[in-house]
N, C-alpha and C. Protein backbone atom coordinates (compact mmCIF):
# COMPACT_ATOMS: atom_id res chain seq x y z
N UNK A 1 -69.81 65.80 69.58
CA UNK A 1 -68.82 65.48 70.64
C UNK A 1 -68.90 66.48 71.79
N UNK A 2 -68.31 67.64 71.60
CA UNK A 2 -68.22 68.87 72.61
C UNK A 2 -69.53 69.59 72.46
N UNK A 3 -69.94 70.05 73.61
CA UNK A 3 -71.16 70.82 73.66
C UNK A 3 -71.12 71.87 74.72
N UNK A 4 -72.12 72.66 75.09
CA UNK A 4 -72.22 73.61 76.14
C UNK A 4 -72.19 72.92 77.54
N UNK A 5 -72.55 71.67 77.44
CA UNK A 5 -72.45 70.87 78.80
C UNK A 5 -71.22 70.21 79.02
N UNK A 6 -70.24 70.31 78.19
CA UNK A 6 -68.89 69.70 78.30
C UNK A 6 -68.35 70.27 79.61
N UNK A 7 -67.71 69.47 80.62
CA UNK A 7 -67.19 69.99 81.83
C UNK A 7 -65.93 70.86 81.44
N UNK A 8 -65.88 72.05 82.05
CA UNK A 8 -64.83 73.07 81.85
C UNK A 8 -63.49 72.38 82.28
N UNK A 9 -62.48 72.67 81.40
CA UNK A 9 -61.25 72.29 81.73
C UNK A 9 -60.90 70.79 81.47
N UNK A 10 -61.80 70.01 81.06
CA UNK A 10 -61.69 68.53 80.88
C UNK A 10 -61.29 68.21 79.37
N UNK A 11 -60.48 67.13 79.11
CA UNK A 11 -60.28 66.81 77.66
C UNK A 11 -61.13 65.57 77.32
N UNK A 12 -62.08 65.67 76.74
CA UNK A 12 -62.86 64.71 76.22
C UNK A 12 -62.51 63.58 75.18
N UNK A 13 -62.79 62.31 75.44
CA UNK A 13 -62.43 61.30 74.25
C UNK A 13 -63.61 61.41 73.16
N UNK A 14 -62.91 60.98 71.97
CA UNK A 14 -63.56 61.12 70.84
C UNK A 14 -64.72 59.97 71.00
N UNK A 15 -65.89 60.23 70.36
CA UNK A 15 -66.88 59.08 70.15
C UNK A 15 -66.55 57.85 69.73
N UNK A 16 -65.44 57.73 68.92
CA UNK A 16 -65.00 56.46 68.40
C UNK A 16 -64.14 55.57 69.23
N UNK A 17 -63.81 56.29 70.35
CA UNK A 17 -62.73 55.60 71.44
C UNK A 17 -63.59 54.47 72.23
N UNK A 18 -62.93 53.62 72.51
CA UNK A 18 -63.24 52.43 73.49
C UNK A 18 -62.68 52.49 74.78
N UNK A 19 -63.39 52.51 75.95
CA UNK A 19 -62.90 52.46 77.33
C UNK A 19 -63.14 51.20 77.91
N UNK A 20 -62.57 50.92 78.95
CA UNK A 20 -63.05 49.69 79.81
C UNK A 20 -63.20 49.97 81.27
N UNK A 21 -64.05 49.43 82.01
CA UNK A 21 -64.18 49.37 83.38
C UNK A 21 -63.77 48.07 84.04
N UNK A 22 -63.01 47.88 85.08
CA UNK A 22 -62.68 46.61 85.59
C UNK A 22 -63.65 46.19 86.64
N UNK A 23 -64.61 45.42 86.67
CA UNK A 23 -65.49 44.78 87.59
C UNK A 23 -64.81 44.02 88.50
N UNK A 24 -65.09 44.15 89.70
CA UNK A 24 -64.35 43.24 90.73
C UNK A 24 -65.30 42.14 90.98
N UNK A 25 -64.61 40.82 90.88
CA UNK A 25 -65.07 39.45 91.11
C UNK A 25 -65.52 39.47 92.66
N UNK A 26 -66.92 39.16 93.01
CA UNK A 26 -67.12 38.76 94.28
C UNK A 26 -68.08 37.60 94.30
N UNK A 27 -68.60 37.29 95.45
CA UNK A 27 -69.46 36.20 95.64
C UNK A 27 -70.74 36.44 94.69
N UNK A 28 -71.19 37.62 94.61
CA UNK A 28 -72.44 37.94 93.93
C UNK A 28 -72.06 38.00 92.23
N UNK A 29 -70.84 38.17 92.03
CA UNK A 29 -70.29 38.26 90.54
C UNK A 29 -69.25 37.29 90.38
N UNK A 30 -69.42 36.07 89.85
CA UNK A 30 -68.34 35.29 89.61
C UNK A 30 -67.39 35.33 88.45
N UNK A 31 -66.30 34.93 88.40
CA UNK A 31 -65.32 35.33 87.45
C UNK A 31 -65.84 35.18 86.00
N UNK A 32 -66.56 33.84 85.92
CA UNK A 32 -67.12 33.49 84.84
C UNK A 32 -68.40 34.27 84.10
N UNK A 33 -68.83 35.22 84.91
CA UNK A 33 -69.90 36.08 84.66
C UNK A 33 -69.69 36.96 83.27
N UNK A 34 -70.68 37.03 82.42
CA UNK A 34 -70.44 37.77 81.35
C UNK A 34 -71.38 39.08 81.20
N UNK A 35 -72.26 39.08 81.90
CA UNK A 35 -73.17 40.25 82.04
C UNK A 35 -73.00 41.45 82.91
N UNK A 36 -72.69 42.58 82.26
CA UNK A 36 -72.35 43.61 83.24
C UNK A 36 -73.59 44.11 84.12
N UNK A 37 -73.38 44.30 85.24
CA UNK A 37 -74.36 44.84 86.14
C UNK A 37 -74.38 46.29 86.61
N UNK A 38 -75.39 46.86 87.03
CA UNK A 38 -75.41 48.17 87.45
C UNK A 38 -74.34 48.48 88.45
N UNK A 39 -74.13 47.64 89.46
CA UNK A 39 -73.39 47.86 90.37
C UNK A 39 -71.76 47.99 89.95
N UNK A 40 -71.54 47.44 88.79
CA UNK A 40 -70.30 47.50 88.20
C UNK A 40 -69.82 48.97 87.83
N UNK A 41 -70.88 49.93 87.77
CA UNK A 41 -70.73 51.17 87.36
C UNK A 41 -71.09 52.21 88.59
N UNK A 42 -71.03 51.61 89.73
CA UNK A 42 -71.06 52.35 90.99
C UNK A 42 -69.72 53.15 91.36
N UNK A 43 -69.67 54.25 91.88
CA UNK A 43 -68.41 54.72 92.29
C UNK A 43 -67.85 53.86 93.27
N UNK A 44 -66.56 53.55 93.39
CA UNK A 44 -65.89 52.71 94.43
C UNK A 44 -65.84 53.78 95.58
N UNK A 45 -65.39 53.21 96.77
CA UNK A 45 -65.25 53.77 98.09
C UNK A 45 -64.03 54.93 97.87
N UNK A 46 -63.09 54.56 96.96
CA UNK A 46 -61.96 55.72 96.88
C UNK A 46 -62.41 56.73 96.02
N UNK A 47 -63.20 56.40 94.97
CA UNK A 47 -63.77 57.37 94.04
C UNK A 47 -64.77 58.27 94.61
N UNK A 48 -65.66 57.77 95.59
CA UNK A 48 -66.46 58.56 96.45
C UNK A 48 -65.74 59.52 97.36
N UNK A 49 -64.71 58.93 97.97
CA UNK A 49 -64.00 59.72 98.86
C UNK A 49 -63.26 61.02 98.21
N UNK A 50 -62.77 60.67 96.88
CA UNK A 50 -62.04 61.74 96.13
C UNK A 50 -63.20 62.60 95.71
N UNK A 51 -64.40 62.25 95.41
CA UNK A 51 -65.47 63.12 94.99
C UNK A 51 -65.80 64.04 96.09
N UNK A 52 -65.80 63.47 97.43
CA UNK A 52 -66.19 64.37 98.42
C UNK A 52 -65.25 65.47 98.83
N UNK A 53 -63.94 65.16 98.59
CA UNK A 53 -62.83 65.90 98.93
C UNK A 53 -62.69 66.92 97.71
N UNK A 54 -62.99 66.61 96.47
CA UNK A 54 -62.68 67.59 95.44
C UNK A 54 -63.93 68.17 94.74
N UNK A 55 -64.97 67.58 94.85
CA UNK A 55 -66.16 67.87 94.19
C UNK A 55 -66.12 67.36 92.76
N UNK A 56 -65.19 66.73 92.43
CA UNK A 56 -65.14 65.96 90.97
C UNK A 56 -65.47 64.58 91.15
N UNK A 57 -66.63 64.13 90.92
CA UNK A 57 -67.02 62.71 91.04
C UNK A 57 -66.90 62.01 89.66
N UNK A 58 -65.69 61.06 89.81
CA UNK A 58 -65.19 60.57 88.65
C UNK A 58 -65.32 58.97 88.53
N UNK A 59 -65.90 58.29 87.77
CA UNK A 59 -65.89 56.85 87.58
C UNK A 59 -64.59 56.38 86.80
N UNK A 60 -63.78 55.61 87.40
CA UNK A 60 -62.49 55.24 86.74
C UNK A 60 -62.95 54.29 85.63
N UNK A 61 -62.23 54.71 84.38
CA UNK A 61 -62.05 53.72 83.21
C UNK A 61 -60.84 53.82 82.44
N UNK A 62 -60.55 53.09 81.46
CA UNK A 62 -59.38 53.05 80.82
C UNK A 62 -59.43 53.07 79.41
N UNK A 63 -58.82 53.93 78.70
CA UNK A 63 -58.71 53.98 77.06
C UNK A 63 -57.98 52.67 76.62
N UNK A 64 -58.82 51.99 75.99
CA UNK A 64 -58.38 50.50 75.39
C UNK A 64 -57.20 50.87 74.43
N UNK A 65 -57.11 51.85 73.88
CA UNK A 65 -56.04 52.20 72.83
C UNK A 65 -54.72 52.35 73.56
N UNK A 66 -54.78 52.95 74.63
CA UNK A 66 -53.43 53.28 75.27
C UNK A 66 -53.34 52.44 76.54
N UNK A 67 -54.14 51.62 76.91
CA UNK A 67 -53.90 50.68 78.20
C UNK A 67 -54.37 49.25 78.01
N UNK A 68 -53.49 48.42 78.42
CA UNK A 68 -54.01 47.02 78.36
C UNK A 68 -54.83 46.69 79.76
N UNK A 69 -55.59 45.76 79.76
CA UNK A 69 -56.26 45.22 80.94
C UNK A 69 -55.20 44.97 82.08
N UNK A 70 -54.15 44.18 81.58
CA UNK A 70 -53.23 44.01 82.63
C UNK A 70 -52.56 45.23 83.23
N UNK A 71 -52.06 46.30 82.48
CA UNK A 71 -51.60 47.41 82.93
C UNK A 71 -52.55 48.04 84.03
N UNK A 72 -53.68 48.09 83.59
CA UNK A 72 -54.81 48.77 84.51
C UNK A 72 -55.04 48.13 85.78
N UNK A 73 -54.77 46.88 85.67
CA UNK A 73 -54.96 46.02 86.91
C UNK A 73 -53.80 46.04 87.99
N UNK A 74 -52.69 46.38 87.31
CA UNK A 74 -51.51 46.57 88.33
C UNK A 74 -51.60 47.83 89.01
N UNK A 75 -52.37 48.91 88.42
CA UNK A 75 -52.28 50.38 89.06
C UNK A 75 -53.35 50.49 90.11
N UNK A 76 -54.42 49.37 90.20
CA UNK A 76 -55.45 49.48 91.09
C UNK A 76 -54.92 49.17 92.50
N UNK A 77 -55.68 50.01 93.51
CA UNK A 77 -55.07 50.06 94.88
C UNK A 77 -55.73 48.86 95.74
N UNK A 78 -56.82 48.39 95.30
CA UNK A 78 -57.41 47.27 96.08
C UNK A 78 -57.28 45.86 95.41
N UNK A 79 -56.94 44.87 96.08
CA UNK A 79 -56.51 43.63 95.46
C UNK A 79 -57.98 42.98 95.16
N UNK A 80 -57.65 42.06 94.15
CA UNK A 80 -58.94 41.22 93.88
C UNK A 80 -58.79 40.99 92.42
N UNK A 81 -59.43 39.94 91.88
CA UNK A 81 -59.63 39.63 90.47
C UNK A 81 -60.88 40.41 89.79
N UNK A 82 -60.47 40.82 88.63
CA UNK A 82 -61.43 41.74 88.01
C UNK A 82 -61.83 41.44 86.56
N UNK A 83 -62.89 41.80 86.00
CA UNK A 83 -63.42 41.35 84.79
C UNK A 83 -63.52 42.68 83.92
N UNK A 84 -62.93 42.77 82.78
CA UNK A 84 -63.15 44.05 82.03
C UNK A 84 -64.40 44.05 81.30
N UNK A 85 -65.23 45.30 81.12
CA UNK A 85 -66.16 45.55 80.32
C UNK A 85 -66.01 46.63 79.45
N UNK A 86 -66.11 46.68 78.13
CA UNK A 86 -66.02 47.74 77.56
C UNK A 86 -67.24 48.71 77.20
N UNK A 87 -66.82 49.68 76.71
CA UNK A 87 -67.93 50.95 76.50
C UNK A 87 -67.41 51.59 75.24
N UNK A 88 -68.33 51.82 74.33
CA UNK A 88 -68.02 52.76 73.18
C UNK A 88 -68.34 54.22 73.68
N UNK A 89 -67.29 54.93 73.47
CA UNK A 89 -67.65 56.40 74.21
C UNK A 89 -68.81 56.98 73.64
N UNK A 90 -68.92 56.99 72.35
CA UNK A 90 -70.13 57.74 71.67
C UNK A 90 -71.42 57.31 72.36
N UNK A 91 -71.53 55.98 72.71
CA UNK A 91 -72.70 55.47 73.61
C UNK A 91 -72.84 56.03 74.80
N UNK A 92 -71.77 56.12 75.53
CA UNK A 92 -71.64 56.84 76.85
C UNK A 92 -72.25 58.23 76.71
N UNK A 93 -71.78 58.99 75.62
CA UNK A 93 -72.09 60.30 75.58
C UNK A 93 -73.65 60.62 75.21
N UNK A 94 -74.18 59.52 74.78
CA UNK A 94 -75.63 59.65 74.54
C UNK A 94 -76.65 59.33 75.73
N UNK A 95 -75.89 58.84 76.69
CA UNK A 95 -76.84 58.59 77.93
C UNK A 95 -77.18 59.84 78.92
N UNK A 96 -78.37 60.14 79.05
CA UNK A 96 -78.79 61.13 79.82
C UNK A 96 -80.29 60.80 80.57
N UNK A 97 -80.81 61.59 81.34
CA UNK A 97 -81.94 61.51 82.01
C UNK A 97 -82.94 62.37 81.26
N UNK A 98 -84.09 62.05 80.90
CA UNK A 98 -85.21 62.96 80.21
C UNK A 98 -85.27 64.26 81.10
N UNK A 99 -85.24 65.05 80.35
CA UNK A 99 -85.27 66.60 80.77
C UNK A 99 -84.31 67.13 81.84
N UNK A 100 -83.24 66.32 81.86
CA UNK A 100 -82.12 66.56 82.81
C UNK A 100 -81.05 67.52 82.11
N UNK A 101 -80.84 67.38 80.78
CA UNK A 101 -79.82 68.17 79.98
C UNK A 101 -78.22 67.95 80.39
N UNK A 102 -78.11 66.99 81.23
CA UNK A 102 -76.71 66.80 81.57
C UNK A 102 -76.14 65.31 81.24
N UNK A 103 -75.73 65.35 80.07
CA UNK A 103 -75.14 63.98 79.70
C UNK A 103 -73.88 63.40 80.40
N UNK A 104 -73.51 62.26 80.10
CA UNK A 104 -72.29 61.74 80.92
C UNK A 104 -71.11 62.02 79.86
N UNK A 105 -69.83 62.30 80.52
CA UNK A 105 -68.81 62.66 79.50
C UNK A 105 -67.63 61.58 79.96
N UNK A 106 -66.94 61.19 79.01
CA UNK A 106 -65.64 60.38 79.04
C UNK A 106 -64.56 61.24 78.90
N UNK A 107 -63.62 61.55 79.83
CA UNK A 107 -62.64 62.26 79.61
C UNK A 107 -61.30 61.71 80.00
N UNK A 108 -60.24 62.21 79.59
CA UNK A 108 -58.89 61.74 80.28
C UNK A 108 -58.78 62.43 81.61
N UNK A 109 -58.44 61.67 82.38
CA UNK A 109 -58.18 61.88 83.84
C UNK A 109 -56.93 62.35 84.27
N UNK A 110 -56.73 63.52 83.80
CA UNK A 110 -55.63 64.52 84.31
C UNK A 110 -55.58 64.62 85.81
N UNK A 111 -56.69 64.68 86.55
CA UNK A 111 -56.75 64.82 87.89
C UNK A 111 -56.55 63.66 88.67
N UNK A 112 -56.40 62.61 88.22
CA UNK A 112 -56.21 61.26 88.91
C UNK A 112 -55.23 61.18 89.84
N UNK A 113 -55.45 60.55 91.26
CA UNK A 113 -54.44 60.31 92.03
C UNK A 113 -53.59 58.97 91.85
N UNK A 114 -53.90 58.34 90.65
CA UNK A 114 -53.06 57.22 90.18
C UNK A 114 -51.87 57.76 89.57
N UNK A 115 -50.75 57.38 90.12
CA UNK A 115 -49.38 57.84 89.67
C UNK A 115 -49.13 57.31 88.14
N UNK A 116 -48.92 58.44 87.42
CA UNK A 116 -48.65 58.16 85.78
C UNK A 116 -50.04 57.69 85.12
N UNK A 117 -51.08 57.62 85.85
CA UNK A 117 -52.22 56.98 85.02
C UNK A 117 -52.69 57.71 83.84
N UNK A 118 -52.48 59.01 83.75
CA UNK A 118 -52.77 59.86 82.58
C UNK A 118 -52.09 59.40 81.24
N UNK A 119 -50.80 59.15 81.59
CA UNK A 119 -49.80 58.82 80.68
C UNK A 119 -50.21 57.50 79.75
N UNK A 120 -50.75 56.58 80.66
CA UNK A 120 -51.03 55.28 79.99
C UNK A 120 -52.55 55.14 79.75
N UNK A 121 -53.47 56.16 79.88
CA UNK A 121 -54.84 55.95 79.32
C UNK A 121 -55.73 56.07 80.54
N UNK A 122 -55.54 56.32 81.68
CA UNK A 122 -56.61 56.51 82.65
C UNK A 122 -57.60 57.75 82.32
N UNK A 123 -58.88 57.36 82.40
CA UNK A 123 -59.91 58.32 81.94
C UNK A 123 -61.08 58.14 83.11
N UNK A 124 -62.00 58.88 82.85
CA UNK A 124 -63.12 59.10 83.88
C UNK A 124 -64.35 59.24 83.31
N UNK A 125 -65.51 58.65 83.66
CA UNK A 125 -66.88 59.02 83.34
C UNK A 125 -67.32 60.14 84.35
N UNK A 126 -67.75 61.12 83.83
CA UNK A 126 -68.26 62.32 84.63
C UNK A 126 -69.66 62.29 84.38
N UNK A 127 -70.37 62.68 85.54
CA UNK A 127 -71.77 63.15 85.46
C UNK A 127 -72.78 61.97 86.05
N UNK A 128 -72.00 61.02 86.71
CA UNK A 128 -72.87 59.91 87.49
C UNK A 128 -73.45 60.49 88.76
N UNK A 129 -72.74 61.12 89.20
CA UNK A 129 -73.26 61.73 90.55
C UNK A 129 -74.28 62.64 90.66
N UNK A 130 -75.47 62.29 91.11
CA UNK A 130 -76.65 63.11 91.00
C UNK A 130 -77.36 63.06 92.30
N UNK A 131 -77.92 64.12 92.66
CA UNK A 131 -78.58 64.14 94.18
C UNK A 131 -79.62 63.17 94.34
N UNK A 132 -80.30 62.52 93.47
CA UNK A 132 -81.33 61.55 93.64
C UNK A 132 -80.73 60.21 93.41
N UNK A 133 -80.74 59.38 94.37
CA UNK A 133 -80.37 57.98 94.40
C UNK A 133 -80.98 57.08 93.11
N UNK A 134 -82.24 57.58 92.85
CA UNK A 134 -82.85 56.88 91.69
C UNK A 134 -82.30 57.35 90.35
N UNK A 135 -81.79 58.42 90.17
CA UNK A 135 -81.28 58.94 88.88
C UNK A 135 -79.83 58.45 88.80
N UNK A 136 -79.10 58.25 89.92
CA UNK A 136 -77.76 57.52 89.73
C UNK A 136 -77.93 55.99 89.35
N UNK A 137 -78.90 55.35 90.00
CA UNK A 137 -79.26 53.81 89.68
C UNK A 137 -79.53 53.84 88.08
N UNK A 138 -80.37 54.87 87.61
CA UNK A 138 -80.86 54.80 86.09
C UNK A 138 -79.69 54.90 85.42
N UNK A 139 -78.76 55.87 85.63
CA UNK A 139 -77.64 55.99 84.78
C UNK A 139 -76.65 54.78 84.79
N UNK A 140 -76.44 54.20 85.95
CA UNK A 140 -75.57 52.76 85.94
C UNK A 140 -76.44 51.84 85.17
N UNK A 141 -77.63 51.69 85.25
CA UNK A 141 -78.28 50.80 84.60
C UNK A 141 -78.19 50.97 83.09
N UNK A 142 -78.16 52.18 82.65
CA UNK A 142 -77.89 52.58 81.21
C UNK A 142 -76.52 52.05 80.81
N UNK A 143 -75.45 52.40 81.61
CA UNK A 143 -74.19 51.89 81.30
C UNK A 143 -74.14 50.45 81.07
N UNK A 144 -74.68 49.73 82.06
CA UNK A 144 -74.67 48.30 82.02
C UNK A 144 -75.34 47.73 80.77
N UNK A 145 -76.28 48.41 80.24
CA UNK A 145 -77.11 47.93 79.07
C UNK A 145 -76.08 48.12 77.87
N UNK A 146 -75.22 49.09 77.79
CA UNK A 146 -74.36 49.14 76.59
C UNK A 146 -73.01 48.62 76.86
N UNK A 147 -72.57 48.04 77.99
CA UNK A 147 -71.27 47.58 78.26
C UNK A 147 -71.25 46.09 77.74
N UNK A 148 -70.12 45.59 77.48
CA UNK A 148 -69.83 44.30 76.94
C UNK A 148 -68.77 43.52 77.35
N UNK A 149 -68.67 42.44 77.48
CA UNK A 149 -67.44 41.73 77.91
C UNK A 149 -66.22 41.84 77.01
N UNK A 150 -65.14 41.92 77.51
CA UNK A 150 -63.71 41.88 76.56
C UNK A 150 -63.07 40.76 76.73
């Protein structure tokens, strides 16, 4: 679980935890869709803004043991219907790019701007922001492959 590449000052989730990402329903992703897509794991506009401001690029996910899908939905700042996709934390930790040496990490999001989000299980996937767009897309594709509808 923890390694030399673990982000400093972060609280990682155990490999046996489940987190979920809420994918926004759009014309290209209808509400009855069951297959997660790479785009569902792209940083939102708000997440990109926070990353530019703080240098900490964090994809929002929720700890399924501490947060219901309904609770998470009420804390989101942008309106819209969303579909939850689950991720086994251990599988996320296994994702990396060959010869890169920087795996993805799922951590408690104590730095979140969402009020009280940490207390109810807001988490973050760190490590998706890379300098090469092709690397970012490859990581999102790998997340979509291991994600499942909830």
